[in-house]
């Protein structure tokens, strides 16, 4: 009984593989299918590649330093940060809001 089930499953998988491989070969011969595969690949890859293309090397950090603190001087020495010193609280709010909501003023 076990041999009969094993033989039936192996036979079914063999038939399934034969039909699938024939269909795959036929699909690759069709130009429409090839163009759909290429288009779908581009559509799926572009969102993954765009952040790599437009990646910023430094993090922009807007700060408001009224009293010339040592922290500001140390932050300016950090190569991973681009410190933008703001002159007023309103400029700081505007810089932070534009970072969170690009295109808004």
PDB file of N, CA and C in Angstrom:
ATOM      1  N   UNK A   1       0.819  -1.190   0.000  1.00  0.00           N
ATOM      2  CA  UNK A   1       0.000   0.000   0.000  1.00  0.00           C
ATOM      3  C   UNK A   1       0.867   1.260   0.000  1.00  0.00           C
ATOM      4  N   UNK A   2       1.938   1.263   0.825  1.00  0.00           N
ATOM      5  CA  UNK A   2       2.817   2.425   0.901  1.00  0.00           C
ATOM      6  C   UNK A   2       3.544   2.646  -0.413  1.00  0.00           C
ATOM      7  N   UNK A   3       3.969   1.542  -1.073  1.00  0.00           N
ATOM      8  CA  UNK A   3       4.648   1.679  -2.363  1.00  0.00           C
ATOM      9  C   UNK A   3       3.729   2.256  -3.413  1.00  0.00           C
ATOM     10  N   UNK A   4       2.472   1.871  -3.379  1.00  0.00           N
ATOM     11  CA  UNK A   4       1.510   2.359  -4.364  1.00  0.00           C
ATOM     12  C   UNK A   4       1.301   3.867  -4.189  1.00  0.00           C
ATOM     13  N   UNK A   5       1.232   4.346  -2.930  1.00  0.00           N
ATOM     14  CA  UNK A   5       1.048   5.783  -2.676  1.00  0.00           C
ATOM     15  C   UNK A   5       2.289   6.547  -3.110  1.00  0.00           C
ATOM     16  N   UNK A   6       3.468   6.032  -2.800  1.00  0.00           N
ATOM     17  CA  UNK A   6       4.717   6.679  -3.180  1.00  0.00           C
ATOM     18  C   UNK A   6       4.841   6.737  -4.698  1.00  0.00           C
ATOM     19  N   UNK A   7       4.523   5.654  -5.343  1.00  0.00           N
ATOM     20  CA  UNK A   7       4.590   5.616  -6.801  1.00  0.00           C
ATOM     21  C   UNK A   7       3.595   6.613  -7.392  1.00  0.00           C
ATOM     22  N   UNK A   8       2.422   6.723  -6.836  1.00  0.00           N
ATOM     23  CA  UNK A   8       1.409   7.633  -7.358  1.00  0.00           C
ATOM     24  C   UNK A   8       1.851   9.088  -7.172  1.00  0.00           C
ATOM     25  N   UNK A   9       2.427   9.422  -6.018  1.00  0.00           N
ATOM     26  CA  UNK A   9       2.889  10.786  -5.776  1.00  0.00           C
ATOM     27  C   UNK A   9       4.054  11.114  -6.702  1.00  0.00           C
ATOM     28  N   UNK A  10       5.006  10.191  -6.840  1.00  0.00           N
ATOM     29  CA  UNK A  10       6.148  10.415  -7.728  1.00  0.00           C
ATOM     30  C   UNK A  10       5.689  10.561  -9.170  1.00  0.00           C
ATOM     31  N   UNK A  11       4.751   9.740  -9.572  1.00  0.00           N
ATOM     32  CA  UNK A  11       4.212   9.793 -10.932  1.00  0.00           C
ATOM     33  C   UNK A  11       3.483  11.122 -11.158  1.00  0.00           C
ATOM     34  N   UNK A  12       2.701  11.543 -10.174  1.00  0.00           N
ATOM     35  CA  UNK A  12       1.970  12.809 -10.293  1.00  0.00           C
ATOM     36  C   UNK A  12       2.932  13.992 -10.378  1.00  0.00           C
ATOM     37  N   UNK A  13       3.985  13.977  -9.551  1.00  0.00           N
ATOM     38  CA  UNK A  13       4.971  15.058  -9.598  1.00  0.00           C
ATOM     39  C   UNK A  13       5.717  15.086 -10.923  1.00  0.00           C
ATOM     40  N   UNK A  14       5.997  13.930 -11.471  1.00  0.00           N
ATOM     41  CA  UNK A  14       6.670  13.857 -12.768  1.00  0.00           C
ATOM     42  C   UNK A  14       5.796  14.452 -13.868  1.00  0.00           C
ATOM     43  N   UNK A  15       4.521  14.102 -13.849  1.00  0.00           N
ATOM     44  CA  UNK A  15       3.576  14.641 -14.846  1.00  0.00           C
ATOM     45  C   UNK A  15       3.443  16.154 -14.675  1.00  0.00           C
ATOM     46  N   UNK A  16       3.333  16.591 -13.421  1.00  0.00           N
ATOM     47  CA  UNK A  16       3.201  18.018 -13.134  1.00  0.00           C
ATOM     48  C   UNK A  16       4.431  18.795 -13.609  1.00  0.00           C
ATOM     49  N   UNK A  17       5.621  18.265 -13.348  1.00  0.00           N
ATOM     50  CA  UNK A  17       6.856  18.922 -13.778  1.00  0.00           C
ATOM     51  C   UNK A  17       6.942  18.986 -15.301  1.00  0.00           C
ATOM     52  N   UNK A  18       6.537  17.933 -15.976  1.00  0.00           N
ATOM     53  CA  UNK A  18       6.573  17.904 -17.441  1.00  0.00           C
ATOM     54  C   UNK A  18       5.671  18.982 -18.022  1.00  0.00           C
ATOM     55  N   UNK A  19       4.469  19.089 -17.502  1.00  0.00           N
ATOM     56  CA  UNK A  19       3.522  20.094 -18.008  1.00  0.00           C
ATOM     57  C   UNK A  19       4.020  21.512 -17.672  1.00  0.00           C
ATOM     58  N   UNK A  20       4.508  21.709 -16.446  1.00  0.00           N
ATOM     59  CA  UNK A  20       4.980  23.030 -16.037  1.00  0.00           C
ATOM     60  C   UNK A  20       6.182  23.471 -16.866  1.00  0.00           C
ATOM     61  N   UNK A  21       7.118  22.566 -17.104  1.00  0.00           N
ATOM     62  CA  UNK A  21       8.301  22.938 -17.879  1.00  0.00           C
ATOM     63  C   UNK A  21       7.929  23.277 -19.321  1.00  0.00           C
ATOM     64  N   UNK A  22       6.985  22.558 -19.888  1.00  0.00           N
ATOM     65  CA  UNK A  22       6.516  22.871 -21.246  1.00  0.00           C
ATOM     66  C   UNK A  22       5.870  24.253 -21.281  1.00  0.00           C
ATOM     67  N   UNK A  23       5.036  24.557 -20.282  1.00  0.00           N
ATOM     68  CA  UNK A  23       4.375  25.860 -20.233  1.00  0.00           C
ATOM     69  C   UNK A  23       5.378  26.996 -20.017  1.00  0.00           C
ATOM     70  N   UNK A  24       6.391  26.762 -19.199  1.00  0.00           N
ATOM     71  CA  UNK A  24       7.408  27.782 -18.965  1.00  0.00           C
ATOM     72  C   UNK A  24       8.188  28.075 -20.248  1.00  0.00           C
ATOM     73  N   UNK A  25       8.564  27.045 -20.963  1.00  0.00           N
ATOM     74  CA  UNK A  25       9.292  27.221 -22.228  1.00  0.00           C
ATOM     75  C   UNK A  25       8.419  27.951 -23.235  1.00  0.00           C
ATOM     76  N   UNK A  26       7.137  27.600 -23.318  1.00  0.00           N
ATOM     77  CA  UNK A  26       6.223  28.283 -24.248  1.00  0.00           C
ATOM     78  C   UNK A  26       6.057  29.753 -23.858  1.00  0.00           C
ATOM     79  N   UNK A  27       5.979  30.034 -22.572  1.00  0.00           N
ATOM     80  CA  UNK A  27       5.814  31.414 -22.115  1.00  0.00           C
ATOM     81  C   UNK A  27       7.049  32.239 -22.445  1.00  0.00           C
ATOM     82  N   UNK A  28       8.238  31.667 -22.305  1.00  0.00           N
ATOM     83  CA  UNK A  28       9.464  32.410 -22.602  1.00  0.00           C
ATOM     84  C   UNK A  28       9.643  32.671 -24.092  1.00  0.00           C
ATOM     85  N   UNK A  29       8.953  31.928 -24.921  1.00  0.00           N
ATOM     86  CA  UNK A  29       9.000  32.179 -26.365  1.00  0.00           C
ATOM     87  C   UNK A  29       8.062  33.309 -26.777  1.00  0.00           C
ATOM     88  N   UNK A  30       7.123  33.672 -25.900  1.00  0.00           N
ATOM     89  CA  UNK A  30       6.136  34.698 -26.204  1.00  0.00           C
ATOM     90  C   UNK A  30       6.697  36.073 -25.833  1.00  0.00           C
ATOM     91  N   UNK A  31       6.718  37.006 -26.781  1.00  0.00           N
ATOM     92  CA  UNK A  31       7.285  38.333 -26.552  1.00  0.00           C
ATOM     93  C   UNK A  31       6.460  39.153 -25.564  1.00  0.00           C
ATOM     94  N   UNK A  32       5.162  38.945 -25.543  1.00  0.00           N
ATOM     95  CA  UNK A  32       4.305  39.682 -24.617  1.00  0.00           C
ATOM     96  C   UNK A  32       4.637  39.299 -23.176  1.00  0.00           C
ATOM     97  N   UNK A  33       4.825  38.022 -22.944  1.00  0.00           N
ATOM     98  CA  UNK A  33       5.154  37.548 -21.594  1.00  0.00           C
ATOM     99  C   UNK A  33       6.518  38.088 -21.171  1.00  0.00           C
ATOM    100  N   UNK A  34       7.483  38.085 -22.080  1.00  0.00           N
ATOM    101  CA  UNK A  34       8.816  38.607 -21.766  1.00  0.00           C
ATOM    102  C   UNK A  34       8.731  40.090 -21.398  1.00  0.00           C
ATOM    103  N   UNK A  35       7.969  40.866 -22.173  1.00  0.00           N
ATOM    104  CA  UNK A  35       7.839  42.296 -21.871  1.00  0.00           C
ATOM    105  C   UNK A  35       7.123  42.502 -20.542  1.00  0.00           C
ATOM    106  N   UNK A  36       6.166  41.666 -20.216  1.00  0.00           N
ATOM    107  CA  UNK A  36       5.478  41.777 -18.920  1.00  0.00           C
ATOM    108  C   UNK A  36       6.428  41.441 -17.769  1.00  0.00           C
ATOM    109  N   UNK A  37       7.274  40.449 -17.942  1.00  0.00           N
ATOM    110  CA  UNK A  37       8.237  40.081 -16.905  1.00  0.00           C
ATOM    111  C   UNK A  37       9.231  41.217 -16.680  1.00  0.00           C
ATOM    112  N   UNK A  38       9.718  41.812 -17.757  1.00  0.00           N
ATOM    113  CA  UNK A  38      10.677  42.922 -17.646  1.00  0.00           C
ATOM    114  C   UNK A  38      10.011  44.127 -16.986  1.00  0.00           C
ATOM    115  N   UNK A  39       8.791  44.466 -17.408  1.00  0.00           N
ATOM    116  CA  UNK A  39       8.075  45.600 -16.834  1.00  0.00           C
ATOM    117  C   UNK A  39       7.805  45.391 -15.353  1.00  0.00           C
ATOM    118  N   UNK A  40       7.357  44.218 -14.995  1.00  0.00           N
ATOM    119  CA  UNK A  40       7.079  43.916 -13.596  1.00  0.00           C
ATOM    120  C   UNK A  40       8.349  43.958 -12.757  1.00  0.00           C
ATOM    121  N   UNK A  41       9.452  43.488 -13.319  1.00  0.00           N
ATOM    122  CA  UNK A  41      10.727  43.546 -12.598  1.00  0.00           C
ATOM    123  C   UNK A  41      11.146  44.987 -12.336  1.00  0.00           C
ATOM    124  N   UNK A  42      10.978  45.844 -13.326  1.00  0.00           N
ATOM    125  CA  UNK A  42      11.325  47.258 -13.155  1.00  0.00           C
ATOM    126  C   UNK A  42      10.432  47.897 -12.105  1.00  0.00           C
ATOM    127  N   UNK A  43       9.136  47.610 -12.164  1.00  0.00           N
ATOM    128  CA  UNK A  43       8.201  48.184 -11.210  1.00  0.00           C
ATOM    129  C   UNK A  43       8.540  47.748  -9.785  1.00  0.00           C
ATOM    130  N   UNK A  44       8.959  46.519  -9.612  1.00  0.00           N
ATOM    131  CA  UNK A  44       9.285  46.019  -8.282  1.00  0.00           C
ATOM    132  C   UNK A  44      10.647  46.489  -7.785  1.00  0.00           C
ATOM    133  N   UNK A  45      11.591  46.726  -8.689  1.00  0.00           N
ATOM    134  CA  UNK A  45      12.942  47.103  -8.279  1.00  0.00           C
ATOM    135  C   UNK A  45      13.120  48.596  -8.042  1.00  0.00           C
ATOM    136  N   UNK A  46      12.389  49.439  -8.748  1.00  0.00           N
ATOM    137  CA  UNK A  46      12.578  50.888  -8.636  1.00  0.00           C
ATOM    138  C   UNK A  46      12.376  51.391  -7.206  1.00  0.00           C
ATOM    139  N   UNK A  47      11.303  51.013  -6.497  1.00  0.00           N
ATOM    140  CA  UNK A  47      11.174  51.504  -5.110  1.00  0.00           C
ATOM    141  C   UNK A  47      12.304  51.042  -4.194  1.00  0.00           C
ATOM    142  N   UNK A  48      12.900  49.912  -4.494  1.00  0.00           N
ATOM    143  CA  UNK A  48      14.016  49.431  -3.676  1.00  0.00           C
ATOM    144  C   UNK A  48      15.308  50.173  -3.996  1.00  0.00           C
ATOM    145  N   UNK A  49      15.481  50.620  -5.243  1.00  0.00           N
ATOM    146  CA  UNK A  49      16.720  51.266  -5.656  1.00  0.00           C
ATOM    147  C   UNK A  49      16.734  52.774  -5.436  1.00  0.00           C
ATOM    148  N   UNK A  50      15.571  53.420  -5.436  1.00  0.00           N
ATOM    149  CA  UNK A  50      15.528  54.876  -5.290  1.00  0.00           C
ATOM    150  C   UNK A  50      16.158  55.370  -3.992  1.00  0.00           C
ATOM    151  N   UNK A  51      15.884  54.759  -2.847  1.00  0.00           N
ATOM    152  CA  UNK A  51      16.561  55.246  -1.635  1.00  0.00           C
ATOM    153  C   UNK A  51      18.082  55.124  -1.709  1.00  0.00           C
ATOM    154  N   UNK A  52      18.578  54.130  -2.398  1.00  0.00           N
ATOM    155  CA  UNK A  52      20.026  53.979  -2.539  1.00  0.00           C
ATOM    156  C   UNK A  52      20.613  55.070  -3.430  1.00  0.00           C
ATOM    157  N   UNK A  53      19.863  55.483  -4.431  1.00  0.00           N
ATOM    158  CA  UNK A  53      20.334  56.505  -5.362  1.00  0.00           C
ATOM    159  C   UNK A  53      20.343  57.882  -4.698  1.00  0.00           C
ATOM    160  N   UNK A  54      19.269  58.196  -3.951  1.00  0.00           N
ATOM    161  CA  UNK A  54      19.119  59.528  -3.377  1.00  0.00           C
ATOM    162  C   UNK A  54      19.486  59.589  -1.893  1.00  0.00           C
ATOM    163  N   UNK A  55      20.266  58.662  -1.435  1.00  0.00           N
ATOM    164  CA  UNK A  55      20.645  58.621  -0.030  1.00  0.00           C
ATOM    165  C   UNK A  55      21.555  59.799   0.312  1.00  0.00           C
ATOM    166  N   UNK A  56      21.237  60.465   1.414  1.00  0.00           N
ATOM    167  CA  UNK A  56      22.044  61.587   1.854  1.00  0.00           C
ATOM    168  C   UNK A  56      23.154  61.072   2.755  1.00  0.00           C
ATOM    169  N   UNK A  57      24.334  61.633   2.574  1.00  0.00           N
ATOM    170  CA  UNK A  57      25.472  61.211   3.367  1.00  0.00           C
ATOM    171  C   UNK A  57      25.448  61.748   4.785  1.00  0.00           C
ATOM    172  N   UNK A  58      24.790  62.877   4.989  1.00  0.00           N
ATOM    173  CA  UNK A  58      24.767  63.498   6.299  1.00  0.00           C
ATOM    174  C   UNK A  58      23.329  63.724   6.751  1.00  0.00           C
ATOM    175  N   UNK A  59      23.139  63.662   8.052  1.00  0.00           N
ATOM    176  CA  UNK A  59      21.850  63.981   8.639  1.00  0.00           C
ATOM    177  C   UNK A  59      21.830  65.471   8.938  1.00  0.00           C
ATOM    178  N   UNK A  60      20.799  66.155   8.469  1.00  0.00           N
ATOM    179  CA  UNK A  60      20.666  67.591   8.689  1.00  0.00           C
ATOM    180  C   UNK A  60      20.013  67.794  10.055  1.00  0.00           C
ATOM    181  N   UNK A  61      20.639  68.618  10.879  1.00  0.00           N
ATOM    182  CA  UNK A  61      20.155  68.876  12.232  1.00  0.00           C
ATOM    183  C   UNK A  61      19.991  70.368  12.444  1.00  0.00           C
ATOM    184  N   UNK A  62      18.754  70.877  12.356  1.00  0.00           N
ATOM    185  CA  UNK A  62      18.542  72.294  12.646  1.00  0.00           C
ATOM    186  C   UNK A  62      18.553  72.518  14.159  1.00  0.00           C
ATOM    187  N   UNK A  63      19.283  73.527  14.609  1.00  0.00           N
ATOM    188  CA  UNK A  63      19.360  73.819  16.045  1.00  0.00           C
ATOM    189  C   UNK A  63      19.177  75.308  16.280  1.00  0.00           C
ATOM    190  N   UNK A  64      18.756  75.629  17.492  1.00  0.00           N
ATOM    191  CA  UNK A  64      18.634  77.011  17.934  1.00  0.00           C
ATOM    192  C   UNK A  64      19.537  77.153  19.141  1.00  0.00           C
ATOM    193  N   UNK A  65      20.609  77.898  18.987  1.00  0.00           N
ATOM    194  CA  UNK A  65      21.586  78.075  20.060  1.00  0.00           C
ATOM    195  C   UNK A  65      21.695  79.557  20.366  1.00  0.00           C
ATOM    196  N   UNK A  66      21.051  79.958  21.442  1.00  0.00           N
ATOM    197  CA  UNK A  66      21.046  81.376  21.796  1.00  0.00           C
ATOM    198  C   UNK A  66      22.314  81.765  22.543  1.00  0.00           C
ATOM    199  N   UNK A  67      22.856  80.829  23.358  1.00  0.00           N
ATOM    200  CA  UNK A  67      23.975  81.193  24.214  1.00  0.00           C
ATOM    201  C   UNK A  67      25.316  80.633  23.800  1.00  0.00           C
ATOM    202  N   UNK A  68      25.512  80.217  22.547  1.00  0.00           N
ATOM    203  CA  UNK A  68      26.778  79.648  22.076  1.00  0.00           C
ATOM    204  C   UNK A  68      27.279  78.513  22.979  1.00  0.00           C
ATOM    205  N   UNK A  69      26.500  77.462  23.081  1.00  0.00           N
ATOM    206  CA  UNK A  69      26.855  76.355  23.972  1.00  0.00           C
ATOM    207  C   UNK A  69      27.956  75.485  23.364  1.00  0.00           C
ATOM    208  N   UNK A  70      28.606  74.711  24.235  1.00  0.00           N
ATOM    209  CA  UNK A  70      29.666  73.799  23.781  1.00  0.00           C
ATOM    210  C   UNK A  70      29.080  72.652  22.972  1.00  0.00           C
ATOM    211  N   UNK A  71      27.824  72.299  23.250  1.00  0.00           N
ATOM    212  CA  UNK A  71      27.187  71.213  22.513  1.00  0.00           C
ATOM    213  C   UNK A  71      27.111  71.530  21.021  1.00  0.00           C
ATOM    214  N   UNK A  72      26.798  72.760  20.697  1.00  0.00           N
ATOM    215  CA  UNK A  72      26.744  73.169  19.286  1.00  0.00           C
ATOM    216  C   UNK A  72      28.101  73.024  18.623  1.00  0.00           C
ATOM    217  N   UNK A  73      29.147  73.437  19.315  1.00  0.00           N
ATOM    218  CA  UNK A  73      30.497  73.324  18.759  1.00  0.00           C
ATOM    219  C   UNK A  73      30.875  71.863  18.546  1.00  0.00           C
ATOM    220  N   UNK A  74      30.508  71.003  19.470  1.00  0.00           N
ATOM    221  CA  UNK A  74      30.815  69.574  19.331  1.00  0.00           C
ATOM    222  C   UNK A  74      29.994  68.935  18.211  1.00  0.00           C
ATOM    223  N   UNK A  75      28.755  69.337  18.077  1.00  0.00           N
ATOM    224  CA  UNK A  75      27.920  68.798  16.998  1.00  0.00           C
ATOM    225  C   UNK A  75      28.462  69.197  15.627  1.00  0.00           C
ATOM    226  N   UNK A  76      28.999  70.385  15.520  1.00  0.00           N
ATOM    227  CA  UNK A  76      29.563  70.829  14.242  1.00  0.00           C
ATOM    228  C   UNK A  76      30.804  70.032  13.860  1.00  0.00           C
ATOM    229  N   UNK A  77      31.482  69.452  14.838  1.00  0.00           N
ATOM    230  CA  UNK A  77      32.674  68.645  14.568  1.00  0.00           C
ATOM    231  C   UNK A  77      32.321  67.234  14.094  1.00  0.00           C
ATOM    232  N   UNK A  78      31.095  66.808  14.329  1.00  0.00           N
ATOM    233  CA  UNK A  78      30.663  65.454  13.973  1.00  0.00           C
ATOM    234  C   UNK A  78      30.485  65.355  12.464  1.00  0.00           C
ATOM    235  N   UNK A  79      31.209  64.442  11.776  1.00  0.00           N
ATOM    236  CA  UNK A  79      31.122  64.367  10.313  1.00  0.00           C
ATOM    237  C   UNK A  79      29.787  63.823   9.790  1.00  0.00           C
ATOM    238  N   UNK A  80      29.047  63.060  10.612  1.00  0.00           N
ATOM    239  CA  UNK A  80      27.776  62.495  10.149  1.00  0.00           C
ATOM    240  C   UNK A  80      26.634  63.500  10.183  1.00  0.00           C
ATOM    241  N   UNK A  81      26.855  64.652  10.842  1.00  0.00           N
ATOM    242  CA  UNK A  81      25.800  65.642  10.994  1.00  0.00           C
ATOM    243  C   UNK A  81      26.116  66.908  10.205  1.00  0.00           C
ATOM    244  N   UNK A  82      25.075  67.470   9.634  1.00  0.00           N
ATOM    245  CA  UNK A  82      25.167  68.790   9.024  1.00  0.00           C
ATOM    246  C   UNK A  82      24.322  69.722   9.893  1.00  0.00           C
ATOM    247  N   UNK A  83      24.981  70.519  10.706  1.00  0.00           N
ATOM    248  CA  UNK A  83      24.293  71.383  11.666  1.00  0.00           C
ATOM    249  C   UNK A  83      23.861  72.661  10.963  1.00  0.00           C
ATOM    250  N   UNK A  84      22.562  72.960  11.063  1.00  0.00           N
ATOM    251  CA  UNK A  84      22.018  74.201  10.524  1.00  0.00           C
ATOM    252  C   UNK A  84      21.586  75.061  11.699  1.00  0.00           C
ATOM    253  N   UNK A  85      22.346  76.077  11.984  1.00  0.00           N
ATOM    254  CA  UNK A  85      22.047  76.940  13.117  1.00  0.00           C
ATOM    255  C   UNK A  85      20.988  77.952  12.697  1.00  0.00           C
ATOM    256  N   UNK A  86      19.886  77.968  13.421  1.00  0.00           N
ATOM    257  CA  UNK A  86      18.766  78.871  13.138  1.00  0.00           C
ATOM    258  C   UNK A  86      18.889  80.110  14.010  1.00  0.00           C
ATOM    259  N   UNK A  87      18.400  81.251  13.509  1.00  0.00           N
ATOM    260  CA  UNK A  87      18.526  82.519  14.237  1.00  0.00           C
ATOM    261  C   UNK A  87      17.362  82.773  15.190  1.00  0.00           C
ATOM    262  N   UNK A  88      16.202  82.150  14.902  1.00  0.00           N
ATOM    263  CA  UNK A  88      15.040  82.390  15.765  1.00  0.00           C
ATOM    264  C   UNK A  88      14.261  81.091  15.949  1.00  0.00           C
ATOM    265  N   UNK A  89      13.359  81.137  16.925  1.00  0.00           N
ATOM    266  CA  UNK A  89      12.525  79.960  17.188  1.00  0.00           C
ATOM    267  C   UNK A  89      11.595  79.688  16.011  1.00  0.00           C
ATOM    268  N   UNK A  90      11.145  80.736  15.355  1.00  0.00           N
ATOM    269  CA  UNK A  90      10.275  80.579  14.180  1.00  0.00           C
ATOM    270  C   UNK A  90      11.020  79.862  13.047  1.00  0.00           C
ATOM    271  N   UNK A  91      12.279  80.208  12.795  1.00  0.00           N
ATOM    272  CA  UNK A  91      13.075  79.531  11.764  1.00  0.00           C
ATOM    273  C   UNK A  91      13.281  78.063  12.118  1.00  0.00           C
ATOM    274  N   UNK A  92      13.489  77.783  13.396  1.00  0.00           N
ATOM    275  CA  UNK A  92      13.664  76.397  13.845  1.00  0.00           C
ATOM    276  C   UNK A  92      12.391  75.590  13.600  1.00  0.00           C
ATOM    277  N   UNK A  93      11.241  76.162  13.957  1.00  0.00           N
ATOM    278  CA  UNK A  93       9.963  75.468  13.727  1.00  0.00           C
ATOM    279  C   UNK A  93       9.751  75.217  12.237  1.00  0.00           C
ATOM    280  N   UNK A  94      10.074  76.211  11.431  1.00  0.00           N
ATOM    281  CA  UNK A  94       9.894  76.064   9.983  1.00  0.00           C
ATOM    282  C   UNK A  94      10.818  74.979   9.424  1.00  0.00           C
ATOM    283  N   UNK A  95      12.061  74.930   9.902  1.00  0.00           N
ATOM    284  CA  UNK A  95      13.004  73.911   9.437  1.00  0.00           C
ATOM    285  C   UNK A  95      12.560  72.517   9.850  1.00  0.00           C
ATOM    286  N   UNK A  96      12.078  72.386  11.074  1.00  0.00           N
ATOM    287  CA  UNK A  96      11.610  71.076  11.539  1.00  0.00           C
ATOM    288  C   UNK A  96      10.354  70.630  10.799  1.00  0.00           C
ATOM    289  N   UNK A  97       9.417  71.549  10.580  1.00  0.00           N
ATOM    290  CA  UNK A  97       8.182  71.196   9.866  1.00  0.00           C
ATOM    291  C   UNK A  97       8.459  70.847   8.408  1.00  0.00           C
ATOM    292  N   UNK A  98       9.391  71.552   7.790  1.00  0.00           N
ATOM    293  CA  UNK A  98       9.698  71.239   6.380  1.00  0.00           C
ATOM    294  C   UNK A  98      10.404  69.895   6.265  1.00  0.00           C
ATOM    295  N   UNK A  99      11.113  69.478   7.330  1.00  0.00           N
ATOM    296  CA  UNK A  99      11.754  68.164   7.308  1.00  0.00           C
ATOM    297  C   UNK A  99      10.718  67.063   7.473  1.00  0.00           C
ATOM    298  N   UNK A 100       9.698  67.310   8.281  1.00  0.00           N
ATOM    299  CA  UNK A 100       8.660  66.308   8.514  1.00  0.00           C
ATOM    300  C   UNK A 100       7.643  66.270   7.385  1.00  0.00           C
ATOM    301  N   UNK A 101       7.298  67.443   6.845  1.00  0.00           N
ATOM    302  CA  UNK A 101       6.293  67.548   5.800  1.00  0.00           C
ATOM    303  C   UNK A 101       6.872  68.294   4.616  1.00  0.00           C
ATOM    304  N   UNK A 102       7.653  67.631   3.742  1.00  0.00           N
ATOM    305  CA  UNK A 102       8.263  68.311   2.598  1.00  0.00           C
ATOM    306  C   UNK A 102       7.202  68.919   1.682  1.00  0.00           C
ATOM    307  N   UNK A 103       7.490  70.099   1.186  1.00  0.00           N
ATOM    308  CA  UNK A 103       6.561  70.770   0.266  1.00  0.00           C
ATOM    309  C   UNK A 103       5.595  71.692   0.969  1.00  0.00           C
ATOM    310  N   UNK A 104       5.473  71.582   2.284  1.00  0.00           N
ATOM    311  CA  UNK A 104       4.599  72.469   3.045  1.00  0.00           C
ATOM    312  C   UNK A 104       5.381  73.646   3.587  1.00  0.00           C
ATOM    313  N   UNK A 105       4.728  74.744   3.734  1.00  0.00           N
ATOM    314  CA  UNK A 105       5.357  75.940   4.332  1.00  0.00           C
ATOM    315  C   UNK A 105       4.546  76.381   5.498  1.00  0.00           C
TER     316      UNK A 105
END
